[in-house]
Amino acid sequence: MKLFLLVVFTLFISAKSNFINRECKCKIVSHNLHFPYHSWEISSCKLCGCDDVAMKNCEQACKLMMQAYTTTGCGKVVKDSKVKYTWDASTCTSGMSKEEFSCS
């Protein structure tokens, strides 16, 4: 019985509903093909809920990272390329920006 409970608990944690360790991840993608140019793990927290600051502000943090990235030219991306950001705050929230930004 204990082994069964351990297996069920492990499967629950390994599924998308990982409440033990949540992460805020950010990607910069091309505006039309959504090809990833760069990504960051912005923050993480153990045993936190979706109302935790690290998860609640994931989209805003990603937008700020993207603005800094575009200001510095987006690395080796062709100048004046258009990019968007995507964010993923574990099971709390995720999405893609509607705004497009130009690489300097």
PDB file of N, CA and C in Angstrom:
ATOM      1  N   MET A   1       0.813  -1.191   0.000  1.00  0.00           N
ATOM      2  CA  MET A   1       0.000   0.000   0.000  1.00  0.00           C
ATOM      3  C   MET A   1       0.860   1.259   0.000  1.00  0.00           C
ATOM      4  N   LYS A   2       1.928   1.256   0.803  1.00  0.00           N
ATOM      5  CA  LYS A   2       2.811   2.418   0.858  1.00  0.00           C
ATOM      6  C   LYS A   2       3.475   2.651  -0.491  1.00  0.00           C
ATOM      7  N   LEU A   3       3.877   1.579  -1.158  1.00  0.00           N
ATOM      8  CA  LEU A   3       4.502   1.702  -2.473  1.00  0.00           C
ATOM      9  C   LEU A   3       3.521   2.297  -3.474  1.00  0.00           C
ATOM     10  N   PHE A   4       2.275   1.862  -3.410  1.00  0.00           N
ATOM     11  CA  PHE A   4       1.243   2.391  -4.308  1.00  0.00           C
ATOM     12  C   PHE A   4       1.055   3.895  -4.098  1.00  0.00           C
ATOM     13  N   LEU A   5       0.983   4.325  -2.850  1.00  0.00           N
ATOM     14  CA  LEU A   5       0.830   5.745  -2.550  1.00  0.00           C
ATOM     15  C   LEU A   5       2.039   6.546  -3.013  1.00  0.00           C
ATOM     16  N   LEU A   6       3.221   6.000  -2.853  1.00  0.00           N
ATOM     17  CA  LEU A   6       4.440   6.668  -3.305  1.00  0.00           C
ATOM     18  C   LEU A   6       4.433   6.837  -4.825  1.00  0.00           C
ATOM     19  N   VAL A   7       4.016   5.800  -5.545  1.00  0.00           N
ATOM     20  CA  VAL A   7       3.950   5.868  -7.010  1.00  0.00           C
ATOM     21  C   VAL A   7       2.919   6.910  -7.447  1.00  0.00           C
ATOM     22  N   VAL A   8       1.759   6.911  -6.836  1.00  0.00           N
ATOM     23  CA  VAL A   8       0.715   7.882  -7.181  1.00  0.00           C
ATOM     24  C   VAL A   8       1.193   9.301  -6.887  1.00  0.00           C
ATOM     25  N   PHE A   9       1.804   9.520  -5.749  1.00  0.00           N
ATOM     26  CA  PHE A   9       2.322  10.844  -5.382  1.00  0.00           C
ATOM     27  C   PHE A   9       3.400  11.294  -6.365  1.00  0.00           C
ATOM     28  N   THR A  10       4.301  10.396  -6.755  1.00  0.00           N
ATOM     29  CA  THR A  10       5.364  10.719  -7.711  1.00  0.00           C
ATOM     30  C   THR A  10       4.779  11.097  -9.058  1.00  0.00           C
ATOM     31  N   LEU A  11       3.794  10.346  -9.516  1.00  0.00           N
ATOM     32  CA  LEU A  11       3.142  10.669 -10.793  1.00  0.00           C
ATOM     33  C   LEU A  11       2.429  12.011 -10.722  1.00  0.00           C
ATOM     34  N   PHE A  12       1.814  12.298  -9.608  1.00  0.00           N
ATOM     35  CA  PHE A  12       1.123  13.576  -9.430  1.00  0.00           C
ATOM     36  C   PHE A  12       2.104  14.737  -9.506  1.00  0.00           C
ATOM     37  N   ILE A  13       3.242  14.600  -8.850  1.00  0.00           N
ATOM     38  CA  ILE A  13       4.242  15.656  -8.847  1.00  0.00           C
ATOM     39  C   ILE A  13       4.871  15.818 -10.226  1.00  0.00           C
ATOM     40  N   SER A  14       5.112  14.728 -10.941  1.00  0.00           N
ATOM     41  CA  SER A  14       5.757  14.821 -12.243  1.00  0.00           C
ATOM     42  C   SER A  14       4.816  15.347 -13.322  1.00  0.00           C
ATOM     43  N   ALA A  15       3.524  15.332 -13.058  1.00  0.00           N
ATOM     44  CA  ALA A  15       2.559  15.892 -14.002  1.00  0.00           C
ATOM     45  C   ALA A  15       2.652  17.418 -13.968  1.00  0.00           C
ATOM     46  N   LYS A  16       1.931  18.076 -14.840  1.00  0.00           N
ATOM     47  CA  LYS A  16       1.961  19.536 -14.909  1.00  0.00           C
ATOM     48  C   LYS A  16       1.530  20.208 -13.617  1.00  0.00           C
ATOM     49  N   SER A  17       0.808  19.543 -12.798  1.00  0.00           N
ATOM     50  CA  SER A  17       0.318  20.153 -11.570  1.00  0.00           C
ATOM     51  C   SER A  17       1.340  20.052 -10.445  1.00  0.00           C
ATOM     52  N   ASN A  18       2.562  20.407 -10.715  1.00  0.00           N
ATOM     53  CA  ASN A  18       3.623  20.346  -9.724  1.00  0.00           C
ATOM     54  C   ASN A  18       3.492  21.519  -8.754  1.00  0.00           C
ATOM     55  N   PHE A  19       2.915  21.275  -7.601  1.00  0.00           N
ATOM     56  CA  PHE A  19       2.754  22.323  -6.603  1.00  0.00           C
ATOM     57  C   PHE A  19       3.967  22.428  -5.686  1.00  0.00           C
ATOM     58  N   ILE A  20       4.890  21.488  -5.772  1.00  0.00           N
ATOM     59  CA  ILE A  20       6.081  21.501  -4.926  1.00  0.00           C
ATOM     60  C   ILE A  20       7.072  22.555  -5.410  1.00  0.00           C
ATOM     61  N   ASN A  21       7.307  22.592  -6.709  1.00  0.00           N
ATOM     62  CA  ASN A  21       8.286  23.507  -7.270  1.00  0.00           C
ATOM     63  C   ASN A  21       7.692  24.201  -8.490  1.00  0.00           C
ATOM     64  N   ARG A  22       7.382  25.468  -8.363  1.00  0.00           N
ATOM     65  CA  ARG A  22       6.850  26.249  -9.486  1.00  0.00           C
ATOM     66  C   ARG A  22       7.966  27.117 -10.055  1.00  0.00           C
ATOM     67  N   GLU A  23       7.930  27.344 -11.374  1.00  0.00           N
ATOM     68  CA  GLU A  23       8.953  28.151 -12.038  1.00  0.00           C
ATOM     69  C   GLU A  23       8.306  29.158 -12.972  1.00  0.00           C
ATOM     70  N   CYS A  24       8.922  30.314 -13.085  1.00  0.00           N
ATOM     71  CA  CYS A  24       8.523  31.318 -14.061  1.00  0.00           C
ATOM     72  C   CYS A  24       9.570  31.297 -15.160  1.00  0.00           C
ATOM     73  N   LYS A  25       9.145  30.901 -16.364  1.00  0.00           N
ATOM     74  CA  LYS A  25      10.062  30.816 -17.501  1.00  0.00           C
ATOM     75  C   LYS A  25       9.617  31.785 -18.583  1.00  0.00           C
ATOM     76  N   CYS A  26      10.582  32.304 -19.303  1.00  0.00           N
ATOM     77  CA  CYS A  26      10.318  33.315 -20.329  1.00  0.00           C
ATOM     78  C   CYS A  26      11.094  32.959 -21.594  1.00  0.00           C
ATOM     79  N   LYS A  27      10.446  33.142 -22.751  1.00  0.00           N
ATOM     80  CA  LYS A  27      11.115  32.928 -24.037  1.00  0.00           C
ATOM     81  C   LYS A  27      10.853  34.116 -24.938  1.00  0.00           C
ATOM     82  N   ILE A  28      11.859  34.452 -25.735  1.00  0.00           N
ATOM     83  CA  ILE A  28      11.707  35.448 -26.787  1.00  0.00           C
ATOM     84  C   ILE A  28      11.602  34.671 -28.088  1.00  0.00           C
ATOM     85  N   VAL A  29      10.532  34.924 -28.850  1.00  0.00           N
ATOM     86  CA  VAL A  29      10.277  34.167 -30.072  1.00  0.00           C
ATOM     87  C   VAL A  29      10.049  35.119 -31.235  1.00  0.00           C
ATOM     88  N   SER A  30      10.261  34.630 -32.468  1.00  0.00           N
ATOM     89  CA  SER A  30       9.961  35.450 -33.639  1.00  0.00           C
ATOM     90  C   SER A  30       8.459  35.707 -33.683  1.00  0.00           C
ATOM     91  N   HIS A  31       8.075  36.850 -34.206  1.00  0.00           N
ATOM     92  CA  HIS A  31       6.673  37.264 -34.135  1.00  0.00           C
ATOM     93  C   HIS A  31       5.736  36.419 -34.986  1.00  0.00           C
ATOM     94  N   ASN A  32       6.240  35.787 -36.048  1.00  0.00           N
ATOM     95  CA  ASN A  32       5.325  35.028 -36.904  1.00  0.00           C
ATOM     96  C   ASN A  32       5.528  33.517 -36.824  1.00  0.00           C
ATOM     97  N   LEU A  33       6.761  33.039 -36.756  1.00  0.00           N
ATOM     98  CA  LEU A  33       7.023  31.601 -36.710  1.00  0.00           C
ATOM     99  C   LEU A  33       7.113  31.055 -35.290  1.00  0.00           C
ATOM    100  N   HIS A  34       7.260  31.957 -34.334  1.00  0.00           N
ATOM    101  CA  HIS A  34       7.405  31.621 -32.911  1.00  0.00           C
ATOM    102  C   HIS A  34       8.643  30.763 -32.655  1.00  0.00           C
ATOM    103  N   PHE A  35       9.658  30.936 -33.503  1.00  0.00           N
ATOM    104  CA  PHE A  35      10.948  30.271 -33.307  1.00  0.00           C
ATOM    105  C   PHE A  35      11.640  30.913 -32.113  1.00  0.00           C
ATOM    106  N   PRO A  36      12.086  30.130 -31.127  1.00  0.00           N
ATOM    107  CA  PRO A  36      12.700  30.723 -29.924  1.00  0.00           C
ATOM    108  C   PRO A  36      14.112  31.255 -30.186  1.00  0.00           C
ATOM    109  N   TYR A  37      14.342  32.498 -29.766  1.00  0.00           N
ATOM    110  CA  TYR A  37      15.664  33.114 -29.863  1.00  0.00           C
ATOM    111  C   TYR A  37      16.439  32.989 -28.557  1.00  0.00           C
ATOM    112  N   HIS A  38      15.751  33.182 -27.458  1.00  0.00           N
ATOM    113  CA  HIS A  38      16.430  33.177 -26.159  1.00  0.00           C
ATOM    114  C   HIS A  38      15.409  32.810 -25.080  1.00  0.00           C
ATOM    115  N   SER A  39      15.877  32.230 -23.993  1.00  0.00           N
ATOM    116  CA  SER A  39      14.968  31.898 -22.892  1.00  0.00           C
ATOM    117  C   SER A  39      15.664  32.100 -21.553  1.00  0.00           C
ATOM    118  N   TRP A  40      14.854  32.330 -20.540  1.00  0.00           N
ATOM    119  CA  TRP A  40      15.344  32.527 -19.178  1.00  0.00           C
ATOM    120  C   TRP A  40      14.432  31.806 -18.204  1.00  0.00           C
ATOM    121  N   GLU A  41      15.008  31.359 -17.109  1.00  0.00           N
ATOM    122  CA  GLU A  41      14.216  30.957 -15.953  1.00  0.00           C
ATOM    123  C   GLU A  41      14.301  32.147 -15.011  1.00  0.00           C
ATOM    124  N   ILE A  42      13.215  32.850 -14.861  1.00  0.00           N
ATOM    125  CA  ILE A  42      13.227  34.107 -14.117  1.00  0.00           C
ATOM    126  C   ILE A  42      13.196  33.873 -12.612  1.00  0.00           C
ATOM    127  N   SER A  43      12.322  32.992 -12.158  1.00  0.00           N
ATOM    128  CA  SER A  43      12.222  32.741 -10.721  1.00  0.00           C
ATOM    129  C   SER A  43      11.638  31.363 -10.482  1.00  0.00           C
ATOM    130  N   SER A  44      11.771  30.898  -9.267  1.00  0.00           N
ATOM    131  CA  SER A  44      11.146  29.642  -8.865  1.00  0.00           C
ATOM    132  C   SER A  44      10.856  29.719  -7.374  1.00  0.00           C
ATOM    133  N   CYS A  45       9.936  28.889  -6.948  1.00  0.00           N
ATOM    134  CA  CYS A  45       9.626  28.859  -5.522  1.00  0.00           C
ATOM    135  C   CYS A  45       9.154  27.466  -5.137  1.00  0.00           C
ATOM    136  N   LYS A  46       9.429  27.084  -3.943  1.00  0.00           N
ATOM    137  CA  LYS A  46       9.026  25.784  -3.391  1.00  0.00           C
ATOM    138  C   LYS A  46       7.763  25.967  -2.561  1.00  0.00           C
ATOM    139  N   LEU A  47       6.831  25.066  -2.737  1.00  0.00           N
ATOM    140  CA  LEU A  47       5.588  25.057  -1.966  1.00  0.00           C
ATOM    141  C   LEU A  47       4.859  26.402  -1.989  1.00  0.00           C
ATOM    142  N   CYS A  48       4.863  27.076  -3.127  1.00  0.00           N
ATOM    143  CA  CYS A  48       4.154  28.353  -3.202  1.00  0.00           C
ATOM    144  C   CYS A  48       2.904  28.200  -4.050  1.00  0.00           C
ATOM    145  N   GLY A  49       1.984  29.097  -3.863  1.00  0.00           N
ATOM    146  CA  GLY A  49       0.747  29.080  -4.625  1.00  0.00           C
ATOM    147  C   GLY A  49       0.805  30.052  -5.785  1.00  0.00           C
ATOM    148  N   CYS A  50      -0.266  30.099  -6.541  1.00  0.00           N
ATOM    149  CA  CYS A  50      -0.325  30.991  -7.701  1.00  0.00           C
ATOM    150  C   CYS A  50      -0.409  32.460  -7.298  1.00  0.00           C
ATOM    151  N   ASP A  51      -0.737  32.733  -6.041  1.00  0.00           N
ATOM    152  CA  ASP A  51      -0.792  34.116  -5.585  1.00  0.00           C
ATOM    153  C   ASP A  51       0.562  34.612  -5.072  1.00  0.00           C
ATOM    154  N   ASP A  52       1.582  33.766  -5.119  1.00  0.00           N
ATOM    155  CA  ASP A  52       2.937  34.167  -4.738  1.00  0.00           C
ATOM    156  C   ASP A  52       3.470  35.160  -5.773  1.00  0.00           C
ATOM    157  N   VAL A  53       4.218  36.149  -5.309  1.00  0.00           N
ATOM    158  CA  VAL A  53       4.740  37.207  -6.180  1.00  0.00           C
ATOM    159  C   VAL A  53       5.541  36.640  -7.348  1.00  0.00           C
ATOM    160  N   ALA A  54       6.314  35.601  -7.109  1.00  0.00           N
ATOM    161  CA  ALA A  54       7.143  35.010  -8.169  1.00  0.00           C
ATOM    162  C   ALA A  54       6.293  34.466  -9.310  1.00  0.00           C
ATOM    163  N   MET A  55       5.099  34.011  -9.029  1.00  0.00           N
ATOM    164  CA  MET A  55       4.201  33.478 -10.068  1.00  0.00           C
ATOM    165  C   MET A  55       3.255  34.552 -10.586  1.00  0.00           C
ATOM    166  N   LYS A  56       2.777  35.389  -9.696  1.00  0.00           N
ATOM    167  CA  LYS A  56       1.805  36.416 -10.051  1.00  0.00           C
ATOM    168  C   LYS A  56       2.386  37.428 -11.045  1.00  0.00           C
ATOM    169  N   ASN A  57       3.671  37.755 -10.907  1.00  0.00           N
ATOM    170  CA  ASN A  57       4.295  38.776 -11.738  1.00  0.00           C
ATOM    171  C   ASN A  57       5.150  38.191 -12.860  1.00  0.00           C
ATOM    172  N   CYS A  58       4.925  36.947 -13.204  1.00  0.00           N
ATOM    173  CA  CYS A  58       5.747  36.283 -14.220  1.00  0.00           C
ATOM    174  C   CYS A  58       5.667  36.993 -15.570  1.00  0.00           C
ATOM    175  N   GLU A  59       4.476  37.340 -16.008  1.00  0.00           N
ATOM    176  CA  GLU A  59       4.339  37.993 -17.319  1.00  0.00           C
ATOM    177  C   GLU A  59       5.048  39.353 -17.327  1.00  0.00           C
ATOM    178  N   GLN A  60       4.871  40.134 -16.274  1.00  0.00           N
ATOM    179  CA  GLN A  60       5.505  41.449 -16.229  1.00  0.00           C
ATOM    180  C   GLN A  60       7.032  41.327 -16.211  1.00  0.00           C
ATOM    181  N   ALA A  61       7.562  40.364 -15.473  1.00  0.00           N
ATOM    182  CA  ALA A  61       9.006  40.144 -15.425  1.00  0.00           C
ATOM    183  C   ALA A  61       9.529  39.729 -16.801  1.00  0.00           C
ATOM    184  N   CYS A  62       8.770  38.890 -17.485  1.00  0.00           N
ATOM    185  CA  CYS A  62       9.169  38.450 -18.816  1.00  0.00           C
ATOM    186  C   CYS A  62       9.187  39.626 -19.792  1.00  0.00           C
ATOM    187  N   LYS A  63       8.195  40.485 -19.696  1.00  0.00           N
ATOM    188  CA  LYS A  63       8.142  41.657 -20.578  1.00  0.00           C
ATOM    189  C   LYS A  63       9.353  42.558 -20.347  1.00  0.00           C
ATOM    190  N   LEU A  64       9.729  42.766 -19.100  1.00  0.00           N
ATOM    191  CA  LEU A  64      10.905  43.587 -18.795  1.00  0.00           C
ATOM    192  C   LEU A  64      12.184  42.955 -19.339  1.00  0.00           C
ATOM    193  N   MET A  65      12.308  41.629 -19.205  1.00  0.00           N
ATOM    194  CA  MET A  65      13.487  40.928 -19.746  1.00  0.00           C
ATOM    195  C   MET A  65      13.532  41.094 -21.262  1.00  0.00           C
ATOM    196  N   MET A  66      12.390  40.990 -21.912  1.00  0.00           N
ATOM    197  CA  MET A  66      12.325  41.110 -23.352  1.00  0.00           C
ATOM    198  C   MET A  66      12.671  42.527 -23.806  1.00  0.00           C
ATOM    199  N   GLN A  67      12.204  43.526 -23.097  1.00  0.00           N
ATOM    200  CA  GLN A  67      12.521  44.906 -23.452  1.00  0.00           C
ATOM    201  C   GLN A  67      14.023  45.161 -23.355  1.00  0.00           C
ATOM    202  N   ALA A  68      14.666  44.640 -22.329  1.00  0.00           N
ATOM    203  CA  ALA A  68      16.118  44.785 -22.207  1.00  0.00           C
ATOM    204  C   ALA A  68      16.828  44.034 -23.331  1.00  0.00           C
ATOM    205  N   TYR A  69      16.330  42.871 -23.668  1.00  0.00           N
ATOM    206  CA  TYR A  69      16.923  42.046 -24.732  1.00  0.00           C
ATOM    207  C   TYR A  69      16.823  42.752 -26.084  1.00  0.00           C
ATOM    208  N   THR A  70      15.685  43.359 -26.379  1.00  0.00           N
ATOM    209  CA  THR A  70      15.531  44.051 -27.669  1.00  0.00           C
ATOM    210  C   THR A  70      16.355  45.327 -27.718  1.00  0.00           C
ATOM    211  N   THR A  71      16.527  45.991 -26.586  1.00  0.00           N
ATOM    212  CA  THR A  71      17.335  47.205 -26.539  1.00  0.00           C
ATOM    213  C   THR A  71      18.796  46.911 -26.878  1.00  0.00           C
ATOM    214  N   THR A  72      19.263  45.739 -26.509  1.00  0.00           N
ATOM    215  CA  THR A  72      20.661  45.371 -26.776  1.00  0.00           C
ATOM    216  C   THR A  72      20.824  44.670 -28.122  1.00  0.00           C
ATOM    217  N   GLY A  73      19.785  44.645 -28.939  1.00  0.00           N
ATOM    218  CA  GLY A  73      19.913  44.113 -30.292  1.00  0.00           C
ATOM    219  C   GLY A  73      19.531  42.664 -30.471  1.00  0.00           C
ATOM    220  N   CYS A  74      19.038  42.009 -29.474  1.00  0.00           N
ATOM    221  CA  CYS A  74      18.586  40.606 -29.572  1.00  0.00           C
ATOM    222  C   CYS A  74      19.701  39.644 -29.961  1.00  0.00           C
ATOM    223  N   GLY A  75      20.886  39.882 -29.504  1.00  0.00           N
ATOM    224  CA  GLY A  75      21.983  38.960 -29.818  1.00  0.00           C
ATOM    225  C   GLY A  75      22.329  38.966 -31.292  1.00  0.00           C
ATOM    226  N   LYS A  76      22.269  37.804 -31.925  1.00  0.00           N
ATOM    227  CA  LYS A  76      22.658  37.677 -33.331  1.00  0.00           C
ATOM    228  C   LYS A  76      21.469  37.722 -34.288  1.00  0.00           C
ATOM    229  N   VAL A  77      20.324  38.164 -33.791  1.00  0.00           N
ATOM    230  CA  VAL A  77      19.127  38.254 -34.619  1.00  0.00           C
ATOM    231  C   VAL A  77      19.292  39.414 -35.600  1.00  0.00           C
ATOM    232  N   VAL A  78      18.738  39.260 -36.784  1.00  0.00           N
ATOM    233  CA  VAL A  78      18.825  40.300 -37.806  1.00  0.00           C
ATOM    234  C   VAL A  78      18.182  41.581 -37.288  1.00  0.00           C
ATOM    235  N   LYS A  79      18.865  42.715 -37.514  1.00  0.00           N
ATOM    236  CA  LYS A  79      18.377  44.001 -37.045  1.00  0.00           C
ATOM    237  C   LYS A  79      16.963  44.257 -37.564  1.00  0.00           C
ATOM    238  N   ASP A  80      16.155  44.897 -36.745  1.00  0.00           N
ATOM    239  CA  ASP A  80      14.756  45.229 -37.017  1.00  0.00           C
ATOM    240  C   ASP A  80      13.848  44.006 -37.087  1.00  0.00           C
ATOM    241  N   SER A  81      14.301  42.854 -36.609  1.00  0.00           N
ATOM    242  CA  SER A  81      13.426  41.688 -36.515  1.00  0.00           C
ATOM    243  C   SER A  81      12.347  41.976 -35.486  1.00  0.00           C
ATOM    244  N   LYS A  82      11.187  41.428 -35.688  1.00  0.00           N
ATOM    245  CA  LYS A  82      10.079  41.574 -34.743  1.00  0.00           C
ATOM    246  C   LYS A  82      10.040  40.340 -33.846  1.00  0.00           C
ATOM    247  N   VAL A  83       9.877  40.560 -32.547  1.00  0.00           N
ATOM    248  CA  VAL A  83       9.826  39.465 -31.584  1.00  0.00           C
ATOM    249  C   VAL A  83       8.655  39.659 -30.621  1.00  0.00           C
ATOM    250  N   LYS A  84       8.260  38.561 -29.985  1.00  0.00           N
ATOM    251  CA  LYS A  84       7.257  38.543 -28.923  1.00  0.00           C
ATOM    252  C   LYS A  84       7.848  37.763 -27.753  1.00  0.00           C
ATOM    253  N   TYR A  85       7.180  37.815 -26.634  1.00  0.00           N
ATOM    254  CA  TYR A  85       7.609  37.003 -25.499  1.00  0.00           C
ATOM    255  C   TYR A  85       6.518  36.023 -25.128  1.00  0.00           C
ATOM    256  N   THR A  86       6.931  34.878 -24.628  1.00  0.00           N
ATOM    257  CA  THR A  86       6.009  33.907 -24.049  1.00  0.00           C
ATOM    258  C   THR A  86       6.440  33.683 -22.607  1.00  0.00           C
ATOM    259  N   TRP A  87       5.477  33.432 -21.750  1.00  0.00           N
ATOM    260  CA  TRP A  87       5.795  33.153 -20.352  1.00  0.00           C
ATOM    261  C   TRP A  87       5.042  31.918 -19.903  1.00  0.00           C
ATOM    262  N   ASP A  88       5.613  31.267 -18.897  1.00  0.00           N
ATOM    263  CA  ASP A  88       4.988  30.083 -18.325  1.00  0.00           C
ATOM    264  C   ASP A  88       5.276  30.072 -16.829  1.00  0.00           C
ATOM    265  N   ALA A  89       4.240  30.268 -16.049  1.00  0.00           N
ATOM    266  CA  ALA A  89       4.361  30.252 -14.591  1.00  0.00           C
ATOM    267  C   ALA A  89       3.766  28.955 -14.064  1.00  0.00           C
ATOM    268  N   SER A  90       4.369  27.849 -14.463  1.00  0.00           N
ATOM    269  CA  SER A  90       3.895  26.514 -14.094  1.00  0.00           C
ATOM    270  C   SER A  90       2.419  26.382 -14.450  1.00  0.00           C
ATOM    271  N   THR A  91       1.592  25.910 -13.546  1.00  0.00           N
ATOM    272  CA  THR A  91       0.176  25.731 -13.855  1.00  0.00           C
ATOM    273  C   THR A  91      -0.640  26.988 -13.554  1.00  0.00           C
ATOM    274  N   CYS A  92       0.001  28.039 -13.094  1.00  0.00           N
ATOM    275  CA  CYS A  92      -0.726  29.252 -12.708  1.00  0.00           C
ATOM    276  C   CYS A  92      -1.191  30.051 -13.920  1.00  0.00           C
ATOM    277  N   THR A  93      -0.285  30.355 -14.819  1.00  0.00           N
ATOM    278  CA  THR A  93      -0.611  31.155 -15.997  1.00  0.00           C
ATOM    279  C   THR A  93       0.475  30.966 -17.051  1.00  0.00           C
ATOM    280  N   SER A  94       0.095  31.160 -18.286  1.00  0.00           N
ATOM    281  CA  SER A  94       1.057  31.123 -19.387  1.00  0.00           C
ATOM    282  C   SER A  94       0.414  31.830 -20.571  1.00  0.00           C
ATOM    283  N   GLY A  95       1.236  32.179 -21.541  1.00  0.00           N
ATOM    284  CA  GLY A  95       0.687  32.831 -22.718  1.00  0.00           C
ATOM    285  C   GLY A  95       1.753  33.453 -23.592  1.00  0.00           C
ATOM    286  N   MET A  96       1.290  34.173 -24.611  1.00  0.00           N
ATOM    287  CA  MET A  96       2.166  34.876 -25.539  1.00  0.00           C
ATOM    288  C   MET A  96       1.686  36.318 -25.649  1.00  0.00           C
ATOM    289  N   SER A  97       2.639  37.235 -25.705  1.00  0.00           N
ATOM    290  CA  SER A  97       2.274  38.648 -25.808  1.00  0.00           C
ATOM    291  C   SER A  97       1.589  38.920 -27.144  1.00  0.00           C
ATOM    292  N   LYS A  98       0.696  39.876 -27.132  1.00  0.00           N
ATOM    293  CA  LYS A  98       0.075  40.348 -28.362  1.00  0.00           C
ATOM    294  C   LYS A  98       0.941  41.424 -29.004  1.00  0.00           C
ATOM    295  N   GLU A  99       1.726  42.110 -28.170  1.00  0.00           N
ATOM    296  CA  GLU A  99       2.630  43.161 -28.628  1.00  0.00           C
ATOM    297  C   GLU A  99       3.824  42.585 -29.362  1.00  0.00           C
ATOM    298  N   GLU A 100       4.275  43.266 -30.396  1.00  0.00           N
ATOM    299  CA  GLU A 100       5.512  42.907 -31.093  1.00  0.00           C
ATOM    300  C   GLU A 100       6.534  44.000 -30.811  1.00  0.00           C
ATOM    301  N   PHE A 101       7.767  43.591 -30.660  1.00  0.00           N
ATOM    302  CA  PHE A 101       8.854  44.523 -30.395  1.00  0.00           C
ATOM    303  C   PHE A 101       9.920  44.343 -31.461  1.00  0.00           C
ATOM    304  N   SER A 102      10.631  45.428 -31.779  1.00  0.00           N
ATOM    305  CA  SER A 102      11.698  45.390 -32.774  1.00  0.00           C
ATOM    306  C   SER A 102      13.054  45.296 -32.101  1.00  0.00           C
ATOM    307  N   CYS A 103      13.923  44.477 -32.660  1.00  0.00           N
ATOM    308  CA  CYS A 103      15.308  44.389 -32.166  1.00  0.00           C
ATOM    309  C   CYS A 103      16.068  45.609 -32.691  1.00  0.00           C
ATOM    310  N   SER A 104      16.809  46.262 -31.831  1.00  0.00           N
ATOM    311  CA  SER A 104      17.579  47.465 -32.222  1.00  0.00           C
ATOM    312  C   SER A 104      18.698  47.122 -33.165  1.00  0.00           C
TER     313      SER A 104
END
